[in-house]
Amino acid sequence: SRRTHEVHAAESVAYLNRALVRLQDIWEEIGIPEEQRLQRTNEVHKHIKEEEGCTMLQMEKNSRTRLELMQEHKKQRMEELKGLISKDTELCGILCTTPFCIDQNSIPSLQQLKTYHAYLDDLTKEKERRHEEFVSLKKDIIVCMDDLEQHPETSFETDVMCEDEEAFCLSDENIAALKLLLSQLQDRKTENERRCSAFRTKIQELWERLHIPQEEREALSEHMVTSKKRNIEALQAEVERLEVLKIQSMRSVIESIRAEIALYWEKCFYSQEQQQAFFPYHADDFTEELLNLHEAEVKTLEKYYIDHQELFEGVTKWRENWTLYLELDKKANDPGRFNNRGGNLLKEEKQRTDLQKSLPKLEKTLKTQIDAWEQEHDKEFLVNGQKFLEYVQQQWEHHHTEKEKEKLERQLKKTKQTQEDMLYGTAKRTPSKRRIAGTPTPGKVRRFNGTSTLSTPTSFLNSGLGGTMCQSSIQKPPLSASKVRSLSPDSSHQ
């Protein structure tokens, strides 16, 4: 009835008034300025303003429709918020993080839900990253524990090794603890490998010095490869056994070490004075103290050689190349080098030329290394007691001097031979298979006005007389007695 509609309308107006008063109180409580409160009140009036051409019943119907729609939106948002909170709680339990800050009892805005979704997406990615890291760390930890033959000792290690991967708390603290555990296990594994390596080196040395049979060595072959706990124990036991044998055969062991020391002296180019500085080398009281001195010395020499191996090998290479170069250079200047050499002549000449080019380059490299060595050690680098670079320079100078000396001797010998040929006649030589171009054939003479003359290569006399050209007016060498008789005045006119 009309009366009923009026009552409903009055109730609606009263409700709206109460709501507006409540809004005013809330706006005031949260500190909204008066100017903004008025603007908001005007906005409310727009929504409750009577629509033109619309009855009160239609307005009520429209309001109910909007209310139902808004209630549906509220329900959807609250359900979405509930799902997000549930997922957040799960991730927080796994990652040990703080839940997202949002009022669970209020209706969230669309922007709040969007922000919550983005936050959970990032959190999910972080969970996946940490899980992958955890799986990788756990795998490495298991391998290390297996290599160390070690079982979990703490509750944390037990959780890592035995607990389900999905149940493990992936907090920052746990991930950091996993990394620390793995680092400790790796350090322990590295230490075990270092100990095993030291044991193996010691065992190899003692095997050689004590001349241990091969069959005894093969019995330990398994432990010479892996570095687990039982391998360490076996290697340590072998070292202890060999040390006892070493004490029992002291003299032979010391002599064996002396051979190693002598080898290092040679490889490190020790001078006689440097060698004699190690007095125990010549001692004959074969005690454990003497053995310890020798072992310490060979270790010092070994380290010294390894630290400067490149330099020592370079010096050795230079000496070998220099010796080869001198040998090839001597062959190149040998008068009989063309005899019975086959195809080696060209090969040797190429090798000599290559060495002549490479030796200065090697010397330059060695000079750089020696300068660095001398700067590091603050002393001169000596080879057999002499500065190496000075030694190199002396070798080159000596080589050039010897070559000049040989050249001078050849020139003097040639000059002497030429003079003898001019005085006594050229000695008869065995003819070669192929005559030099320009040499006249015996029997062929050139006659000028009835006088026979033989043409002589100018190079022959030039080389013997310091390059002076021999003129045709020079008196010919005297003829032999037999030739004088055959060319008597009687026979010359026949």
Protein backbone atom coordinates (compact mmCIF):
# COMPACT_ATOMS: atom_id res chain seq x y z
CA SER A 1 0.00 0.00 0.00
CA ARG A 2 0.96 3.60 -0.31
CA ARG A 3 1.48 3.81 3.43
CA THR A 4 3.90 0.91 3.36
CA HIS A 5 5.95 2.46 0.56
CA GLU A 6 6.13 5.70 2.46
CA VAL A 7 7.41 3.86 5.52
CA HIS A 8 10.10 2.12 3.43
CA ALA A 9 11.07 5.41 1.88
CA ALA A 10 11.31 7.06 5.28
CA GLU A 11 13.44 4.19 6.59
CA SER A 12 15.70 4.48 3.56
CA VAL A 13 16.13 8.19 4.10
CA ALA A 14 16.88 7.63 7.78
CA TYR A 15 19.43 4.92 6.88
CA LEU A 16 21.10 7.22 4.39
CA ASN A 17 21.25 10.01 6.94
CA ARG A 18 22.81 7.71 9.54
CA ALA A 19 25.27 6.43 6.97
CA LEU A 20 26.22 9.96 5.97
CA VAL A 21 26.74 10.93 9.62
CA ARG A 22 28.87 7.83 10.11
CA LEU A 23 30.93 8.72 7.05
CA GLN A 24 31.46 12.22 8.38
CA ASP A 25 32.72 10.77 11.68
CA ILE A 26 35.10 8.38 9.91
CA TRP A 27 36.47 11.10 7.63
CA GLU A 28 37.07 13.27 10.63
CA GLU A 29 38.75 10.46 12.60
CA ILE A 30 41.21 9.67 9.85
CA GLY A 31 42.08 13.33 9.45
CA ILE A 32 40.52 14.23 6.11
CA PRO A 33 40.40 18.04 5.81
CA GLU A 34 37.02 19.76 5.91
CA GLU A 35 37.24 20.86 2.31
CA GLN A 36 37.68 17.28 1.15
CA ARG A 37 34.85 16.15 3.46
CA LEU A 38 32.50 18.55 1.70
CA GLN A 39 33.61 17.26 -1.70
CA ARG A 40 32.93 13.70 -0.62
CA THR A 41 29.50 14.64 0.78
CA ASN A 42 28.57 16.16 -2.56
CA GLU A 43 29.63 12.94 -4.28
CA VAL A 44 27.30 10.99 -1.97
CA HIS A 45 24.47 13.34 -2.80
CA LYS A 46 24.95 12.60 -6.48
CA HIS A 47 24.40 8.91 -5.86
CA ILE A 48 21.20 9.37 -3.80
CA LYS A 49 19.81 12.17 -5.91
CA GLU A 50 16.39 11.36 -7.28
CA GLU A 51 16.55 10.36 -10.86
CA GLU A 52 14.24 12.22 -13.16
CA GLY A 53 11.30 10.18 -14.38
CA CYS A 54 12.06 7.33 -11.94
CA THR A 55 9.61 6.23 -9.28
CA MET A 56 10.60 5.34 -5.77
CA LEU A 57 9.99 1.67 -6.48
CA GLN A 58 12.27 1.74 -9.50
CA MET A 59 14.92 3.45 -7.45
CA GLU A 60 14.64 0.77 -4.78
CA LYS A 61 14.88 -1.94 -7.42
CA ASN A 62 17.94 -0.33 -8.95
CA SER A 63 19.55 0.01 -5.56
CA ARG A 64 18.91 -3.65 -4.73
CA THR A 65 20.37 -4.68 -8.10
CA ARG A 66 23.49 -2.66 -7.43
CA LEU A 67 23.69 -4.03 -3.91
CA GLU A 68 23.51 -7.60 -5.14
CA LEU A 69 26.20 -6.87 -7.71
CA MET A 70 28.45 -5.32 -5.12
CA GLN A 71 27.85 -8.20 -2.73
CA GLU A 72 28.90 -10.59 -5.51
CA HIS A 73 32.04 -8.52 -6.11
CA LYS A 74 32.75 -8.59 -2.38
CA LYS A 75 32.35 -12.36 -2.28
CA GLN A 76 34.71 -12.84 -5.25
CA ARG A 77 37.34 -10.53 -3.82
CA MET A 78 37.20 -12.12 -0.38
CA GLU A 79 37.53 -15.60 -1.91
CA GLU A 80 40.47 -14.41 -4.03
CA LEU A 81 42.06 -12.84 -0.96
CA LYS A 82 41.56 -16.06 0.99
CA GLY A 83 43.34 -18.04 -1.76
CA LEU A 84 46.22 -15.57 -1.85
CA ILE A 85 46.58 -15.68 1.94
CA SER A 86 46.62 -19.49 1.84
CA LYS A 87 49.37 -19.53 -0.80
CA ASP A 88 51.27 -16.85 1.09
CA THR A 89 51.12 -18.90 4.29
CA GLU A 90 52.45 -21.97 2.46
CA LEU A 91 55.36 -20.06 0.90
CA CYS A 92 56.17 -18.34 4.18
CA GLY A 93 56.36 -21.76 5.84
CA ILE A 94 58.82 -23.00 3.21
CA LEU A 95 60.91 -19.83 2.94
CA CYS A 96 60.51 -18.69 6.56
CA THR A 97 59.46 -15.21 5.45
CA THR A 98 56.94 -12.69 6.86
CA PRO A 99 53.39 -12.78 5.38
CA PHE A 100 52.20 -10.00 3.09
CA CYS A 101 50.79 -7.04 5.05
CA ILE A 102 47.02 -6.80 4.32
CA ASP A 103 43.81 -6.60 6.39
CA GLN A 104 42.22 -10.03 6.05
CA ASN A 105 38.79 -8.82 7.24
CA SER A 106 38.37 -5.83 4.92
CA ILE A 107 37.35 -6.00 1.29
CA PRO A 108 40.57 -5.53 -0.73
CA SER A 109 40.70 -3.13 -3.64
CA LEU A 110 41.60 -4.36 -7.13
CA GLN A 111 45.01 -2.66 -6.82
CA GLN A 112 45.70 -4.44 -3.52
CA LEU A 113 44.88 -7.80 -5.08
CA LYS A 114 47.09 -7.02 -8.07
CA THR A 115 50.00 -6.08 -5.78
CA TYR A 116 49.43 -9.24 -3.71
CA HIS A 117 49.53 -11.41 -6.86
CA ALA A 118 52.80 -9.82 -8.01
CA TYR A 119 54.33 -10.31 -4.56
CA LEU A 120 53.41 -14.01 -4.53
CA ASP A 121 54.74 -14.50 -8.08
CA ASP A 122 58.12 -13.14 -6.97
CA LEU A 123 58.00 -15.28 -3.84
CA THR A 124 57.26 -18.39 -5.92
CA LYS A 125 60.23 -17.68 -8.19
CA GLU A 126 62.45 -17.21 -5.14
CA LYS A 127 61.23 -20.53 -3.75
CA GLU A 128 62.07 -22.30 -7.02
CA ARG A 129 65.52 -20.69 -7.10
CA ARG A 130 66.26 -21.68 -3.52
CA HIS A 131 64.98 -25.20 -4.13
CA GLU A 132 67.29 -25.64 -7.11
CA GLU A 133 70.18 -24.30 -5.04
CA PHE A 134 69.28 -26.64 -2.19
CA VAL A 135 69.16 -29.69 -4.47
CA SER A 136 72.55 -28.79 -5.97
CA LEU A 137 74.14 -28.18 -2.56
CA LYS A 138 72.67 -31.39 -1.16
CA LYS A 139 74.05 -33.40 -4.08
CA ASP A 140 77.54 -31.99 -3.54
CA ILE A 141 77.32 -32.56 0.21
CA ILE A 142 76.36 -36.22 -0.30
CA VAL A 143 79.33 -36.71 -2.67
CA CYS A 144 81.73 -35.11 -0.19
CA MET A 145 80.43 -37.16 2.72
CA ASP A 146 80.75 -40.30 0.64
CA ASP A 147 84.34 -39.43 -0.32
CA LEU A 148 85.14 -38.69 3.32
CA GLU A 149 83.29 -41.84 4.41
CA GLN A 150 81.50 -39.63 6.93
CA HIS A 151 78.00 -39.93 8.38
CA PRO A 152 75.73 -37.03 9.52
CA GLU A 153 76.92 -35.79 12.89
CA THR A 154 74.40 -33.02 13.70
CA SER A 155 70.62 -32.72 13.48
CA PHE A 156 71.03 -30.22 10.65
CA GLU A 157 73.21 -32.63 8.66
CA THR A 158 70.63 -35.35 9.29
CA ASP A 159 67.85 -33.08 8.00
CA VAL A 160 69.86 -32.33 4.89
CA MET A 161 70.74 -35.95 4.16
CA CYS A 162 67.53 -37.71 5.18
CA GLU A 163 64.60 -35.29 5.13
CA ASP A 164 62.29 -35.00 2.13
CA GLU A 165 63.45 -32.24 -0.19
CA GLU A 166 60.01 -30.61 -0.24
CA ALA A 167 59.85 -30.46 3.56
CA PHE A 168 63.22 -28.76 4.08
CA CYS A 169 62.96 -25.12 5.17
CA LEU A 170 64.50 -22.98 2.44
CA SER A 171 65.26 -19.98 4.62
CA ASP A 172 68.21 -17.70 3.94
CA GLU A 173 69.82 -18.99 7.12
CA ASN A 174 69.46 -22.63 6.05
CA ILE A 175 70.86 -21.95 2.57
CA ALA A 176 73.81 -20.12 4.16
CA ALA A 177 74.31 -23.03 6.57
CA LEU A 178 74.28 -25.49 3.64
CA LYS A 179 76.96 -23.48 1.85
CA LEU A 180 79.07 -23.38 5.00
CA LEU A 181 78.68 -27.15 5.51
CA LEU A 182 79.67 -27.86 1.91
CA SER A 183 82.67 -25.53 2.22
CA GLN A 184 83.82 -27.31 5.39
CA LEU A 185 83.44 -30.73 3.77
CA GLN A 186 85.32 -29.58 0.66
CA ASP A 187 88.12 -28.18 2.83
CA ARG A 188 88.31 -31.50 4.65
CA LYS A 189 88.32 -33.36 1.34
CA THR A 190 91.05 -31.07 -0.02
CA GLU A 191 93.09 -31.63 3.12
CA ASN A 192 92.70 -35.39 2.73
CA GLU A 193 93.80 -35.18 -0.91
CA ARG A 194 96.78 -33.05 0.13
CA ARG A 195 97.77 -35.57 2.79
CA CYS A 196 97.36 -38.46 0.35
CA SER A 197 99.44 -36.64 -2.25
CA ALA A 198 102.18 -35.99 0.31
CA PHE A 199 102.10 -39.63 1.42
CA ARG A 200 102.28 -40.84 -2.20
CA THR A 201 105.22 -38.57 -2.99
CA LYS A 202 107.03 -39.78 0.12
CA ILE A 203 106.24 -43.40 -0.72
CA GLN A 204 107.53 -43.02 -4.29
CA GLU A 205 110.77 -41.48 -3.00
CA LEU A 206 111.29 -44.24 -0.45
CA TRP A 207 110.43 -46.96 -2.95
CA GLU A 208 113.15 -45.67 -5.27
CA ARG A 209 115.73 -45.14 -2.54
CA LEU A 210 115.07 -48.49 -0.89
CA HIS A 211 114.70 -50.33 -4.24
CA ILE A 212 111.36 -51.84 -3.22
CA PRO A 213 110.33 -54.69 -5.60
CA GLN A 214 107.52 -54.04 -8.08
CA GLU A 215 105.22 -56.68 -6.60
CA GLU A 216 105.28 -54.89 -3.23
CA ARG A 217 104.43 -51.62 -4.94
CA GLU A 218 101.51 -53.10 -6.84
CA ALA A 219 99.94 -54.23 -3.57
CA LEU A 220 99.35 -50.56 -2.78
CA SER A 221 98.15 -49.56 -6.27
CA GLU A 222 94.51 -49.14 -5.20
CA HIS A 223 95.47 -46.57 -2.56
CA MET A 224 97.68 -44.60 -4.96
CA VAL A 225 94.60 -43.33 -6.83
CA THR A 226 91.71 -42.49 -4.48
CA SER A 227 91.84 -40.32 -1.36
CA LYS A 228 89.21 -41.70 1.00
CA LYS A 229 89.66 -42.32 4.70
CA ARG A 230 90.78 -45.93 4.29
CA ASN A 231 93.25 -44.84 1.59
CA ILE A 232 94.81 -42.33 3.96
CA GLU A 233 95.18 -44.99 6.63
CA ALA A 234 96.79 -47.44 4.19
CA LEU A 235 99.18 -44.81 2.82
CA GLN A 236 100.17 -43.66 6.29
CA ALA A 237 100.89 -47.24 7.32
CA GLU A 238 103.09 -47.73 4.23
CA VAL A 239 105.06 -44.56 4.98
CA GLU A 240 105.67 -45.74 8.55
CA ARG A 241 106.83 -49.15 7.28
CA LEU A 242 109.20 -47.59 4.78
CA GLU A 243 110.60 -45.19 7.38
CA VAL A 244 111.58 -48.18 9.50
CA LEU A 245 113.29 -49.78 6.49
CA LYS A 246 115.02 -46.47 5.76
CA ILE A 247 116.57 -46.37 9.23
CA GLN A 248 117.73 -49.96 8.78
CA SER A 249 119.44 -49.17 5.44
CA MET A 250 120.75 -45.68 6.18
CA ARG A 251 123.94 -45.72 4.07
CA SER A 252 122.30 -46.80 0.82
CA VAL A 253 119.50 -44.27 1.29
CA ILE A 254 121.93 -41.38 1.88
CA GLU A 255 123.97 -42.36 -1.17
CA SER A 256 120.77 -42.48 -3.20
CA ILE A 257 119.85 -38.97 -2.03
CA ARG A 258 123.37 -37.78 -2.86
CA ALA A 259 122.84 -38.95 -6.42
CA GLU A 260 119.66 -36.83 -6.54
CA ILE A 261 121.53 -33.85 -5.10
CA ALA A 262 124.30 -34.20 -7.70
CA LEU A 263 121.67 -34.30 -10.44
CA TYR A 264 120.06 -31.09 -9.16
CA TRP A 265 123.48 -29.45 -8.91
CA GLU A 266 123.98 -30.20 -12.58
CA LYS A 267 120.48 -29.05 -13.57
CA CYS A 268 120.83 -25.83 -11.53
CA PHE A 269 124.40 -25.16 -12.79
CA TYR A 270 125.95 -25.10 -9.33
CA SER A 271 129.61 -24.09 -9.23
CA GLN A 272 132.23 -26.15 -7.40
CA GLU A 273 132.18 -23.63 -4.55
CA GLN A 274 128.38 -23.89 -4.24
CA GLN A 275 128.57 -27.67 -4.17
CA GLN A 276 131.31 -27.71 -1.54
CA ALA A 277 129.21 -25.41 0.66
CA PHE A 278 127.05 -28.44 1.53
CA PHE A 279 129.53 -30.09 3.90
CA PRO A 280 127.38 -33.12 4.85
CA TYR A 281 127.71 -34.37 1.26
CA HIS A 282 131.21 -35.66 2.06
CA ALA A 283 130.52 -36.94 5.58
CA ASP A 284 130.82 -40.67 6.20
CA ASP A 285 128.95 -41.04 9.50
CA PHE A 286 125.67 -42.39 8.15
CA THR A 287 123.33 -41.37 10.94
CA GLU A 288 119.70 -40.30 10.97
CA GLU A 289 120.83 -36.70 11.51
CA LEU A 290 122.94 -36.87 8.34
CA LEU A 291 119.99 -38.36 6.50
CA ASN A 292 117.74 -35.51 7.63
CA LEU A 293 120.28 -32.95 6.40
CA HIS A 294 120.40 -34.63 2.99
CA GLU A 295 116.61 -34.84 2.77
CA ALA A 296 116.28 -31.16 3.63
CA GLU A 297 118.92 -30.24 1.04
CA VAL A 298 117.30 -32.23 -1.77
CA LYS A 299 113.93 -30.63 -0.98
CA THR A 300 115.53 -27.16 -1.10
CA LEU A 301 117.19 -27.93 -4.42
CA GLU A 302 113.99 -29.41 -5.84
CA LYS A 303 111.99 -26.30 -4.90
CA TYR A 304 114.72 -24.03 -6.27
CA TYR A 305 114.73 -25.92 -9.58
CA ILE A 306 110.92 -25.98 -9.89
CA ASP A 307 110.65 -22.25 -9.08
CA HIS A 308 113.11 -21.40 -11.88
CA GLN A 309 112.66 -24.40 -14.17
CA GLU A 310 111.88 -22.30 -17.24
CA LEU A 311 115.12 -20.34 -16.80
CA PHE A 312 117.28 -23.43 -16.25
CA GLU A 313 115.74 -25.22 -19.22
CA GLY A 314 116.35 -22.12 -21.34
CA VAL A 315 120.04 -22.07 -20.36
CA THR A 316 120.33 -25.79 -21.11
CA LYS A 317 118.65 -25.27 -24.48
CA TRP A 318 121.07 -22.44 -25.32
CA ARG A 319 124.09 -24.57 -24.46
CA GLU A 320 122.81 -27.48 -26.55
CA ASN A 321 122.00 -25.19 -29.50
CA TRP A 322 125.36 -23.45 -29.18
CA THR A 323 127.26 -26.76 -29.24
CA LEU A 324 125.27 -27.87 -32.29
CA TYR A 325 125.85 -24.51 -34.00
CA LEU A 326 129.64 -24.75 -33.49
CA GLU A 327 129.61 -28.29 -34.86
CA LEU A 328 127.62 -27.29 -37.97
CA ASP A 329 129.72 -24.16 -38.48
CA LYS A 330 132.87 -26.27 -38.36
CA LYS A 331 131.44 -28.62 -40.97
CA ALA A 332 130.42 -25.66 -43.16
CA ASN A 333 134.04 -24.44 -43.22
CA ASP A 334 135.57 -27.88 -43.74
CA PRO A 335 137.36 -28.01 -47.16
CA GLY A 336 136.21 -31.59 -47.63
CA ARG A 337 132.56 -30.85 -46.86
CA PHE A 338 131.45 -31.79 -50.39
CA ASN A 339 132.78 -35.34 -50.11
CA ASN A 340 130.46 -38.21 -49.18
CA ARG A 341 127.81 -36.01 -47.55
CA GLY A 342 124.80 -37.15 -49.55
CA GLY A 343 121.75 -34.91 -49.02
CA ASN A 344 122.87 -33.73 -45.57
CA LEU A 345 124.79 -30.70 -46.80
CA LEU A 346 121.77 -28.50 -47.54
CA LYS A 347 119.95 -29.76 -44.47
CA GLU A 348 122.90 -28.93 -42.20
CA GLU A 349 123.35 -25.51 -43.78
CA LYS A 350 119.66 -24.68 -43.22
CA GLN A 351 119.91 -25.91 -39.64
CA ARG A 352 123.03 -23.78 -39.07
CA THR A 353 121.29 -20.68 -40.50
CA ASP A 354 118.23 -21.27 -38.31
CA LEU A 355 120.41 -21.59 -35.22
CA GLN A 356 122.30 -18.44 -36.15
CA LYS A 357 118.95 -16.58 -36.08
CA SER A 358 117.36 -18.32 -33.10
CA LEU A 359 120.30 -18.10 -30.69
CA PRO A 360 120.16 -14.28 -30.30
CA LYS A 361 116.38 -14.47 -29.76
CA LEU A 362 116.84 -17.10 -27.05
CA GLU A 363 119.58 -14.98 -25.45
CA LYS A 364 117.22 -11.98 -25.38
CA THR A 365 114.51 -14.06 -23.66
CA LEU A 366 117.02 -15.42 -21.16
CA LYS A 367 118.27 -11.91 -20.40
CA THR A 368 114.72 -10.84 -19.45
CA GLN A 369 114.28 -13.91 -17.23
CA ILE A 370 117.71 -13.46 -15.63
CA ASP A 371 117.03 -9.78 -14.90
CA ALA A 372 113.79 -10.76 -13.17
CA TRP A 373 115.57 -13.52 -11.23
CA GLU A 374 118.36 -11.16 -10.10
CA GLN A 375 115.84 -8.53 -9.03
CA GLU A 376 113.88 -11.12 -7.04
CA HIS A 377 116.94 -12.64 -5.32
CA ASP A 378 119.07 -9.47 -5.15
CA LYS A 379 122.15 -11.31 -6.43
CA GLU A 380 123.76 -12.32 -9.70
CA PHE A 381 122.59 -15.37 -11.66
CA LEU A 382 125.59 -17.64 -12.09
CA VAL A 383 126.11 -20.70 -14.25
CA ASN A 384 128.96 -22.81 -12.92
CA GLY A 385 130.20 -19.79 -10.96
CA GLN A 386 130.14 -17.34 -13.89
CA LYS A 387 127.56 -14.74 -14.96
CA PHE A 388 125.72 -16.49 -17.75
CA LEU A 389 125.32 -13.47 -20.02
CA GLU A 390 129.04 -12.74 -19.76
CA TYR A 391 129.71 -16.38 -20.58
CA VAL A 392 127.49 -16.10 -23.69
CA GLN A 393 129.28 -12.96 -24.82
CA GLN A 394 132.68 -14.61 -24.31
CA GLN A 395 131.59 -17.62 -26.35
CA TRP A 396 130.56 -15.42 -29.28
CA GLU A 397 133.76 -13.38 -29.08
CA HIS A 398 135.88 -16.51 -28.90
CA HIS A 399 133.98 -17.96 -31.86
CA HIS A 400 134.52 -14.83 -33.97
CA THR A 401 138.22 -14.73 -32.97
CA GLU A 402 138.68 -18.37 -33.97
CA LYS A 403 136.98 -17.75 -37.32
CA GLU A 404 139.21 -14.75 -38.02
CA LYS A 405 142.24 -16.80 -37.01
CA GLU A 406 141.26 -19.66 -39.33
CA LYS A 407 140.60 -17.20 -42.15
CA LEU A 408 144.04 -15.61 -41.68
CA GLU A 409 145.72 -19.03 -41.59
CA ARG A 410 144.03 -19.99 -44.86
CA GLN A 411 145.13 -16.76 -46.49
CA LEU A 412 148.74 -17.22 -45.31
CA LYS A 413 148.75 -20.81 -46.49
CA LYS A 414 147.40 -19.76 -49.89
CA THR A 415 149.96 -16.97 -50.21
CA LYS A 416 152.79 -19.33 -49.32
CA GLN A 417 151.57 -21.89 -51.85
CA THR A 418 151.35 -19.25 -54.56
CA GLN A 419 154.87 -18.07 -53.88
CA GLU A 420 156.18 -21.65 -53.98
CA ASP A 421 154.38 -22.24 -57.28
CA MET A 422 155.97 -19.12 -58.75
CA LEU A 423 159.46 -20.17 -57.63
CA TYR A 424 159.43 -23.90 -58.26
CA GLY A 425 156.55 -24.50 -60.62
CA THR A 426 153.05 -25.69 -59.98
CA ALA A 427 153.00 -29.17 -58.51
CA LYS A 428 151.20 -31.73 -60.58
CA ARG A 429 147.76 -32.35 -59.13
CA THR A 430 145.30 -35.07 -59.87
CA PRO A 431 142.86 -33.64 -62.43
CA SER A 432 139.26 -33.37 -61.32
CA LYS A 433 136.41 -34.74 -63.35
CA ARG A 434 135.21 -31.27 -64.22
CA ARG A 435 137.51 -28.40 -65.03
CA ILE A 436 136.96 -24.89 -63.77
CA ALA A 437 135.60 -22.55 -66.39
CA GLY A 438 138.39 -20.57 -68.03
CA THR A 439 141.15 -23.16 -67.39
CA PRO A 440 142.96 -24.02 -70.65
CA THR A 441 143.01 -27.61 -71.84
CA PRO A 442 146.52 -29.13 -71.84
CA GLY A 443 147.99 -29.20 -75.32
CA LYS A 444 145.96 -26.22 -76.47
CA VAL A 445 148.29 -23.24 -76.77
CA ARG A 446 147.94 -19.78 -78.10
CA ARG A 447 150.75 -18.79 -80.43
CA PHE A 448 151.85 -15.23 -81.02
CA ASN A 449 154.73 -14.76 -83.47
CA GLY A 450 155.88 -18.32 -82.90
CA THR A 451 155.88 -18.03 -79.09
CA SER A 452 153.57 -20.23 -77.06
CA THR A 453 151.93 -18.90 -73.86
CA LEU A 454 149.49 -20.35 -71.35
CA SER A 455 146.66 -18.15 -70.04
CA THR A 456 146.52 -18.04 -66.20
CA PRO A 457 143.31 -17.29 -64.17
CA THR A 458 143.79 -13.94 -62.48
CA SER A 459 141.98 -15.12 -59.34
CA PHE A 460 144.72 -17.60 -58.59
CA LEU A 461 147.43 -14.95 -58.36
CA ASN A 462 145.18 -12.32 -56.96
CA SER A 463 144.30 -14.49 -53.96
CA GLY A 464 147.93 -15.28 -53.30
CA LEU A 465 149.38 -11.79 -53.66
CA GLY A 466 146.95 -9.68 -51.76
CA GLY A 467 144.80 -8.84 -54.79
CA THR A 468 147.60 -7.34 -56.98
CA MET A 469 147.04 -7.94 -60.70
CA CYS A 470 149.85 -10.01 -62.26
CA GLN A 471 151.04 -8.40 -65.51
CA SER A 472 152.24 -10.39 -68.55
CA SER A 473 155.76 -9.06 -68.13
CA ILE A 474 156.32 -11.11 -64.94
CA GLN A 475 159.06 -13.65 -65.43
CA LYS A 476 157.84 -17.21 -65.77
CA PRO A 477 158.86 -19.80 -63.15
CA PRO A 478 162.01 -21.80 -64.02
CA LEU A 479 161.45 -25.04 -65.84
CA SER A 480 162.52 -28.39 -64.46
CA ALA A 481 165.73 -30.01 -65.61
CA SER A 482 163.94 -32.57 -67.75
CA LYS A 483 162.08 -29.85 -69.56
CA VAL A 484 165.35 -27.95 -70.15
CA ARG A 485 166.88 -31.01 -71.83
CA SER A 486 163.85 -31.62 -74.03
CA LEU A 487 163.86 -28.02 -75.18
CA SER A 488 167.58 -27.74 -76.14
CA PRO A 489 168.54 -25.46 -79.08
CA ASP A 490 168.98 -28.45 -81.36
CA SER A 491 165.60 -29.87 -80.80
CA SER A 492 163.90 -26.52 -80.99
CA HIS A 493 164.75 -26.15 -84.62
CA GLN A 494 163.74 -29.63 -85.75
